[in-house]
């Protein structure tokens, strides 16, 4: 069902903009590549914070040491 919605939205946007579907998908791909390059660090930070939260890797009160940057301390 999600796939059908996606195809329908792509077709509607293609008709509204007056472009062929191939051209529209190529433009969409190029735009998403630019957005990923610009916001790469922000996206990686967001995804890693979700992974840490879901996996319960770090809890409040844990002692963390970062050997590469000589930083250590408790999680608050």
PDB file of N, CA and C in Angstrom:
ATOM      1  N   UNK A   1       0.822  -1.193   0.000  1.00  0.00           N
ATOM      2  CA  UNK A   1       0.000   0.000   0.000  1.00  0.00           C
ATOM      3  C   UNK A   1       0.871   1.263   0.000  1.00  0.00           C
ATOM      4  N   UNK A   2       1.945   1.226   0.802  1.00  0.00           N
ATOM      5  CA  UNK A   2       2.850   2.385   0.849  1.00  0.00           C
ATOM      6  C   UNK A   2       3.509   2.598  -0.512  1.00  0.00           C
ATOM      7  N   UNK A   3       3.874   1.496  -1.164  1.00  0.00           N
ATOM      8  CA  UNK A   3       4.495   1.577  -2.479  1.00  0.00           C
ATOM      9  C   UNK A   3       3.549   2.227  -3.483  1.00  0.00           C
ATOM     10  N   UNK A   4       2.280   1.842  -3.434  1.00  0.00           N
ATOM     11  CA  UNK A   4       1.295   2.430  -4.343  1.00  0.00           C
ATOM     12  C   UNK A   4       1.100   3.920  -4.082  1.00  0.00           C
ATOM     13  N   UNK A   5       1.075   4.313  -2.811  1.00  0.00           N
ATOM     14  CA  UNK A   5       0.968   5.741  -2.470  1.00  0.00           C
ATOM     15  C   UNK A   5       2.172   6.504  -3.012  1.00  0.00           C
ATOM     16  N   UNK A   6       3.354   5.927  -2.848  1.00  0.00           N
ATOM     17  CA  UNK A   6       4.577   6.572  -3.323  1.00  0.00           C
ATOM     18  C   UNK A   6       4.527   6.767  -4.833  1.00  0.00           C
ATOM     19  N   UNK A   7       4.143   5.722  -5.563  1.00  0.00           N
ATOM     20  CA  UNK A   7       4.042   5.809  -7.021  1.00  0.00           C
ATOM     21  C   UNK A   7       2.998   6.852  -7.421  1.00  0.00           C
ATOM     22  N   UNK A   8       1.860   6.866  -6.730  1.00  0.00           N
ATOM     23  CA  UNK A   8       0.813   7.838  -7.034  1.00  0.00           C
ATOM     24  C   UNK A   8       1.259   9.268  -6.809  1.00  0.00           C
ATOM     25  N   UNK A   9       1.956   9.513  -5.718  1.00  0.00           N
ATOM     26  CA  UNK A   9       2.438  10.870  -5.416  1.00  0.00           C
ATOM     27  C   UNK A   9       3.468  11.305  -6.460  1.00  0.00           C
ATOM     28  N   UNK A  10       4.361  10.392  -6.852  1.00  0.00           N
ATOM     29  CA  UNK A  10       5.355  10.712  -7.878  1.00  0.00           C
ATOM     30  C   UNK A  10       4.665  11.055  -9.198  1.00  0.00           C
ATOM     31  N   UNK A  11       3.655  10.262  -9.569  1.00  0.00           N
ATOM     32  CA  UNK A  11       2.932  10.530 -10.820  1.00  0.00           C
ATOM     33  C   UNK A  11       2.199  11.869 -10.774  1.00  0.00           C
ATOM     34  N   UNK A  12       1.560  12.165  -9.659  1.00  0.00           N
ATOM     35  CA  UNK A  12       0.835  13.435  -9.522  1.00  0.00           C
ATOM     36  C   UNK A  12       1.793  14.621  -9.593  1.00  0.00           C
ATOM     37  N   UNK A  13       2.911  14.540  -8.882  1.00  0.00           N
ATOM     38  CA  UNK A  13       3.881  15.631  -8.916  1.00  0.00           C
ATOM     39  C   UNK A  13       4.494  15.792 -10.308  1.00  0.00           C
ATOM     40  N   UNK A  14       4.703  14.674 -10.998  1.00  0.00           N
ATOM     41  CA  UNK A  14       5.237  14.737 -12.349  1.00  0.00           C
ATOM     42  C   UNK A  14       4.269  15.446 -13.293  1.00  0.00           C
ATOM     43  N   UNK A  15       2.981  15.144 -13.164  1.00  0.00           N
ATOM     44  CA  UNK A  15       1.979  15.785 -14.017  1.00  0.00           C
ATOM     45  C   UNK A  15       1.846  17.267 -13.679  1.00  0.00           C
ATOM     46  N   UNK A  16       1.856  17.588 -12.369  1.00  0.00           N
ATOM     47  CA  UNK A  16       1.706  18.984 -11.951  1.00  0.00           C
ATOM     48  C   UNK A  16       2.882  19.856 -12.404  1.00  0.00           C
ATOM     49  N   UNK A  17       4.088  19.299 -12.392  1.00  0.00           N
ATOM     50  CA  UNK A  17       5.250  20.083 -12.810  1.00  0.00           C
ATOM     51  C   UNK A  17       5.442  20.073 -14.316  1.00  0.00           C
ATOM     52  N   UNK A  18       4.763  19.168 -15.019  1.00  0.00           N
ATOM     53  CA  UNK A  18       4.881  19.110 -16.475  1.00  0.00           C
ATOM     54  C   UNK A  18       6.148  18.452 -16.968  1.00  0.00           C
ATOM     55  N   UNK A  19       6.782  17.655 -16.150  1.00  0.00           N
ATOM     56  CA  UNK A  19       8.019  16.967 -16.532  1.00  0.00           C
ATOM     57  C   UNK A  19       7.745  15.472 -16.693  1.00  0.00           C
ATOM     58  N   UNK A  20       8.628  14.818 -17.438  1.00  0.00           N
ATOM     59  CA  UNK A  20       8.529  13.370 -17.559  1.00  0.00           C
ATOM     60  C   UNK A  20       8.909  12.719 -16.239  1.00  0.00           C
ATOM     61  N   UNK A  21       8.449  11.488 -16.043  1.00  0.00           N
ATOM     62  CA  UNK A  21       8.709  10.802 -14.774  1.00  0.00           C
ATOM     63  C   UNK A  21      10.203  10.569 -14.570  1.00  0.00           C
ATOM     64  N   UNK A  22      10.915  10.175 -15.621  1.00  0.00           N
ATOM     65  CA  UNK A  22      12.363   9.945 -15.514  1.00  0.00           C
ATOM     66  C   UNK A  22      13.112  11.201 -15.130  1.00  0.00           C
ATOM     67  N   UNK A  23      12.766  12.314 -15.747  1.00  0.00           N
ATOM     68  CA  UNK A  23      13.404  13.593 -15.421  1.00  0.00           C
ATOM     69  C   UNK A  23      13.073  14.006 -13.997  1.00  0.00           C
ATOM     70  N   UNK A  24      11.830  13.795 -13.609  1.00  0.00           N
ATOM     71  CA  UNK A  24      11.411  14.154 -12.252  1.00  0.00           C
ATOM     72  C   UNK A  24      12.155  13.327 -11.211  1.00  0.00           C
ATOM     73  N   UNK A  25      12.292  12.003 -11.447  1.00  0.00           N
ATOM     74  CA  UNK A  25      13.008  11.147 -10.498  1.00  0.00           C
ATOM     75  C   UNK A  25      14.498  11.480 -10.449  1.00  0.00           C
ATOM     76  N   UNK A  26      15.088  11.831 -11.595  1.00  0.00           N
ATOM     77  CA  UNK A  26      16.498  12.221 -11.612  1.00  0.00           C
ATOM     78  C   UNK A  26      16.711  13.513 -10.824  1.00  0.00           C
ATOM     79  N   UNK A  27      15.802  14.464 -10.986  1.00  0.00           N
ATOM     80  CA  UNK A  27      15.895  15.716 -10.231  1.00  0.00           C
ATOM     81  C   UNK A  27      15.722  15.466  -8.740  1.00  0.00           C
ATOM     82  N   UNK A  28      14.797  14.594  -8.400  1.00  0.00           N
ATOM     83  CA  UNK A  28      14.565  14.252  -6.998  1.00  0.00           C
ATOM     84  C   UNK A  28      15.794  13.578  -6.388  1.00  0.00           C
ATOM     85  N   UNK A  29      16.441  12.701  -7.156  1.00  0.00           N
ATOM     86  CA  UNK A  29      17.657  12.035  -6.688  1.00  0.00           C
ATOM     87  C   UNK A  29      18.809  13.004  -6.492  1.00  0.00           C
ATOM     88  N   UNK A  30      18.969  13.936  -7.432  1.00  0.00           N
ATOM     89  CA  UNK A  30      20.041  14.929  -7.313  1.00  0.00           C
ATOM     90  C   UNK A  30      19.807  15.846  -6.117  1.00  0.00           C
ATOM     91  N   UNK A  31      18.558  16.235  -5.916  1.00  0.00           N
ATOM     92  CA  UNK A  31      18.229  17.096  -4.779  1.00  0.00           C
ATOM     93  C   UNK A  31      18.478  16.386  -3.452  1.00  0.00           C
ATOM     94  N   UNK A  32      18.107  15.120  -3.374  1.00  0.00           N
ATOM     95  CA  UNK A  32      18.336  14.383  -2.128  1.00  0.00           C
ATOM     96  C   UNK A  32      19.829  14.183  -1.872  1.00  0.00           C
ATOM     97  N   UNK A  33      20.635  13.991  -2.928  1.00  0.00           N
ATOM     98  CA  UNK A  33      22.083  13.856  -2.755  1.00  0.00           C
ATOM     99  C   UNK A  33      22.690  15.144  -2.216  1.00  0.00           C
ATOM    100  N   UNK A  34      22.250  16.273  -2.707  1.00  0.00           N
ATOM    101  CA  UNK A  34      22.752  17.561  -2.221  1.00  0.00           C
ATOM    102  C   UNK A  34      22.357  17.775  -0.766  1.00  0.00           C
ATOM    103  N   UNK A  35      21.118  17.453  -0.422  1.00  0.00           N
ATOM    104  CA  UNK A  35      20.660  17.618   0.957  1.00  0.00           C
ATOM    105  C   UNK A  35      21.451  16.724   1.898  1.00  0.00           C
ATOM    106  N   UNK A  36      21.724  15.483   1.485  1.00  0.00           N
ATOM    107  CA  UNK A  36      22.498  14.572   2.327  1.00  0.00           C
ATOM    108  C   UNK A  36      23.919  15.081   2.512  1.00  0.00           C
ATOM    109  N   UNK A  37      24.531  15.631   1.461  1.00  0.00           N
ATOM    110  CA  UNK A  37      25.887  16.163   1.592  1.00  0.00           C
ATOM    111  C   UNK A  37      25.928  17.365   2.528  1.00  0.00           C
ATOM    112  N   UNK A  38      24.930  18.221   2.446  1.00  0.00           N
ATOM    113  CA  UNK A  38      24.921  19.425   3.278  1.00  0.00           C
ATOM    114  C   UNK A  38      24.643  19.084   4.741  1.00  0.00           C
ATOM    115  N   UNK A  39      23.690  18.206   4.982  1.00  0.00           N
ATOM    116  CA  UNK A  39      23.270  17.908   6.351  1.00  0.00           C
ATOM    117  C   UNK A  39      23.777  16.566   6.855  1.00  0.00           C
ATOM    118  N   UNK A  40      24.898  16.089   6.324  1.00  0.00           N
ATOM    119  CA  UNK A  40      25.421  14.766   6.682  1.00  0.00           C
ATOM    120  C   UNK A  40      25.676  14.619   8.176  1.00  0.00           C
ATOM    121  N   UNK A  41      26.392  15.556   8.776  1.00  0.00           N
ATOM    122  CA  UNK A  41      26.727  15.451  10.190  1.00  0.00           C
ATOM    123  C   UNK A  41      25.485  15.539  11.068  1.00  0.00           C
ATOM    124  N   UNK A  42      24.544  16.382  10.705  1.00  0.00           N
ATOM    125  CA  UNK A  42      23.310  16.507  11.468  1.00  0.00           C
ATOM    126  C   UNK A  42      22.506  15.217  11.407  1.00  0.00           C
ATOM    127  N   UNK A  43      22.423  14.626  10.224  1.00  0.00           N
ATOM    128  CA  UNK A  43      21.684  13.374  10.073  1.00  0.00           C
ATOM    129  C   UNK A  43      22.369  12.253  10.846  1.00  0.00           C
ATOM    130  N   UNK A  44      23.697  12.160  10.782  1.00  0.00           N
ATOM    131  CA  UNK A  44      24.425  11.127  11.510  1.00  0.00           C
ATOM    132  C   UNK A  44      24.265  11.285  13.021  1.00  0.00           C
ATOM    133  N   UNK A  45      24.306  12.514  13.521  1.00  0.00           N
ATOM    134  CA  UNK A  45      24.106  12.752  14.943  1.00  0.00           C
ATOM    135  C   UNK A  45      22.715  12.368  15.397  1.00  0.00           C
ATOM    136  N   UNK A  46      21.722  12.686  14.583  1.00  0.00           N
ATOM    137  CA  UNK A  46      20.338  12.345  14.910  1.00  0.00           C
ATOM    138  C   UNK A  46      20.134  10.836  14.942  1.00  0.00           C
ATOM    139  N   UNK A  47      20.652  10.142  13.928  1.00  0.00           N
ATOM    140  CA  UNK A  47      20.497   8.685  13.867  1.00  0.00           C
ATOM    141  C   UNK A  47      21.249   8.010  15.005  1.00  0.00           C
ATOM    142  N   UNK A  48      22.449   8.472  15.318  1.00  0.00           N
ATOM    143  CA  UNK A  48      23.210   7.859  16.409  1.00  0.00           C
ATOM    144  C   UNK A  48      22.550   8.094  17.757  1.00  0.00           C
ATOM    145  N   UNK A  49      21.942   9.254  17.968  1.00  0.00           N
ATOM    146  CA  UNK A  49      21.245   9.478  19.237  1.00  0.00           C
ATOM    147  C   UNK A  49      20.024   8.578  19.364  1.00  0.00           C
ATOM    148  N   UNK A  50      19.347   8.314  18.259  1.00  0.00           N
ATOM    149  CA  UNK A  50      18.214   7.379  18.295  1.00  0.00           C
ATOM    150  C   UNK A  50      18.708   5.972  18.613  1.00  0.00           C
ATOM    151  N   UNK A  51      19.831   5.555  18.014  1.00  0.00           N
ATOM    152  CA  UNK A  51      20.374   4.223  18.275  1.00  0.00           C
ATOM    153  C   UNK A  51      20.808   4.073  19.723  1.00  0.00           C
ATOM    154  N   UNK A  52      21.432   5.094  20.287  1.00  0.00           N
ATOM    155  CA  UNK A  52      21.853   5.034  21.686  1.00  0.00           C
ATOM    156  C   UNK A  52      20.645   4.931  22.604  1.00  0.00           C
ATOM    157  N   UNK A  53      19.585   5.668  22.289  1.00  0.00           N
ATOM    158  CA  UNK A  53      18.384   5.630  23.107  1.00  0.00           C
ATOM    159  C   UNK A  53      17.675   4.292  23.009  1.00  0.00           C
ATOM    160  N   UNK A  54      17.531   3.769  21.803  1.00  0.00           N
ATOM    161  CA  UNK A  54      16.803   2.507  21.604  1.00  0.00           C
ATOM    162  C   UNK A  54      17.566   1.331  22.206  1.00  0.00           C
ATOM    163  N   UNK A  55      18.875   1.288  22.027  1.00  0.00           N
ATOM    164  CA  UNK A  55      19.676   0.169  22.512  1.00  0.00           C
ATOM    165  C   UNK A  55      20.020   0.290  23.988  1.00  0.00           C
ATOM    166  N   UNK A  56      19.681   1.415  24.610  1.00  0.00           N
ATOM    167  CA  UNK A  56      19.958   1.656  26.036  1.00  0.00           C
ATOM    168  C   UNK A  56      21.449   1.458  26.341  1.00  0.00           C
ATOM    169  N   UNK A  57      22.294   2.033  25.478  1.00  0.00           N
ATOM    170  CA  UNK A  57      23.735   1.890  25.598  1.00  0.00           C
ATOM    171  C   UNK A  57      24.299   2.695  26.773  1.00  0.00           C
ATOM    172  N   UNK A  58      23.801   3.889  26.955  1.00  0.00           N
ATOM    173  CA  UNK A  58      24.313   4.789  27.982  1.00  0.00           C
ATOM    174  C   UNK A  58      23.158   5.200  28.889  1.00  0.00           C
ATOM    175  N   UNK A  59      23.427   5.176  30.195  1.00  0.00           N
ATOM    176  CA  UNK A  59      22.415   5.592  31.169  1.00  0.00           C
ATOM    177  C   UNK A  59      22.950   6.758  31.993  1.00  0.00           C
ATOM    178  N   UNK A  60      22.055   7.479  32.621  1.00  0.00           N
ATOM    179  CA  UNK A  60      22.443   8.593  33.482  1.00  0.00           C
ATOM    180  C   UNK A  60      23.258   8.054  34.649  1.00  0.00           C
ATOM    181  N   UNK A  61      24.409   8.671  34.882  1.00  0.00           N
ATOM    182  CA  UNK A  61      25.301   8.253  35.955  1.00  0.00           C
ATOM    183  C   UNK A  61      26.460   7.392  35.471  1.00  0.00           C
ATOM    184  N   UNK A  62      26.456   6.943  34.233  1.00  0.00           N
ATOM    185  CA  UNK A  62      27.555   6.141  33.683  1.00  0.00           C
ATOM    186  C   UNK A  62      28.796   7.010  33.494  1.00  0.00           C
ATOM    187  N   UNK A  63      29.966   6.396  33.657  1.00  0.00           N
ATOM    188  CA  UNK A  63      31.234   7.076  33.424  1.00  0.00           C
ATOM    189  C   UNK A  63      31.684   6.773  31.995  1.00  0.00           C
ATOM    190  N   UNK A  64      31.963   7.832  31.228  1.00  0.00           N
ATOM    191  CA  UNK A  64      32.356   7.679  29.829  1.00  0.00           C
ATOM    192  C   UNK A  64      33.735   8.284  29.633  1.00  0.00           C
ATOM    193  N   UNK A  65      34.593   7.553  28.905  1.00  0.00           N
ATOM    194  CA  UNK A  65      35.928   8.037  28.578  1.00  0.00           C
ATOM    195  C   UNK A  65      36.100   8.027  27.067  1.00  0.00           C
ATOM    196  N   UNK A  66      36.515   9.172  26.509  1.00  0.00           N
ATOM    197  CA  UNK A  66      36.796   9.287  25.077  1.00  0.00           C
ATOM    198  C   UNK A  66      38.308   9.386  24.927  1.00  0.00           C
ATOM    199  N   UNK A  67      38.955   8.284  24.552  1.00  0.00           N
ATOM    200  CA  UNK A  67      40.410   8.251  24.483  1.00  0.00           C
ATOM    201  C   UNK A  67      40.981   9.145  23.404  1.00  0.00           C
ATOM    202  N   UNK A  68      40.247   9.300  22.286  1.00  0.00           N
ATOM    203  CA  UNK A  68      40.751  10.105  21.170  1.00  0.00           C
ATOM    204  C   UNK A  68      40.804  11.590  21.483  1.00  0.00           C
ATOM    205  N   UNK A  69      39.940  12.075  22.370  1.00  0.00           N
ATOM    206  CA  UNK A  69      39.916  13.517  22.655  1.00  0.00           C
ATOM    207  C   UNK A  69      40.198  13.827  24.110  1.00  0.00           C
ATOM    208  N   UNK A  70      40.661  12.864  24.879  1.00  0.00           N
ATOM    209  CA  UNK A  70      40.993  13.037  26.307  1.00  0.00           C
ATOM    210  C   UNK A  70      39.838  13.677  27.077  1.00  0.00           C
ATOM    211  N   UNK A  71      38.639  13.217  26.823  1.00  0.00           N
ATOM    212  CA  UNK A  71      37.462  13.714  27.541  1.00  0.00           C
ATOM    213  C   UNK A  71      36.856  12.556  28.329  1.00  0.00           C
ATOM    214  N   UNK A  72      36.485  12.829  29.568  1.00  0.00           N
ATOM    215  CA  UNK A  72      35.805  11.817  30.369  1.00  0.00           C
ATOM    216  C   UNK A  72      34.870  12.504  31.367  1.00  0.00           C
ATOM    217  N   UNK A  73      33.921  11.744  31.877  1.00  0.00           N
ATOM    218  CA  UNK A  73      32.991  12.301  32.838  1.00  0.00           C
ATOM    219  C   UNK A  73      31.748  11.438  32.946  1.00  0.00           C
ATOM    220  N   UNK A  74      30.838  11.899  33.796  1.00  0.00           N
ATOM    221  CA  UNK A  74      29.603  11.150  34.005  1.00  0.00           C
ATOM    222  C   UNK A  74      28.500  11.699  33.105  1.00  0.00           C
ATOM    223  N   UNK A  75      27.575  10.822  32.750  1.00  0.00           N
ATOM    224  CA  UNK A  75      26.437  11.201  31.936  1.00  0.00           C
ATOM    225  C   UNK A  75      25.400  11.828  32.852  1.00  0.00           C
ATOM    226  N   UNK A  76      24.909  13.010  32.469  1.00  0.00           N
ATOM    227  CA  UNK A  76      23.898  13.661  33.319  1.00  0.00           C
ATOM    228  C   UNK A  76      22.644  13.937  32.540  1.00  0.00           C
TER     229      UNK A  76
END
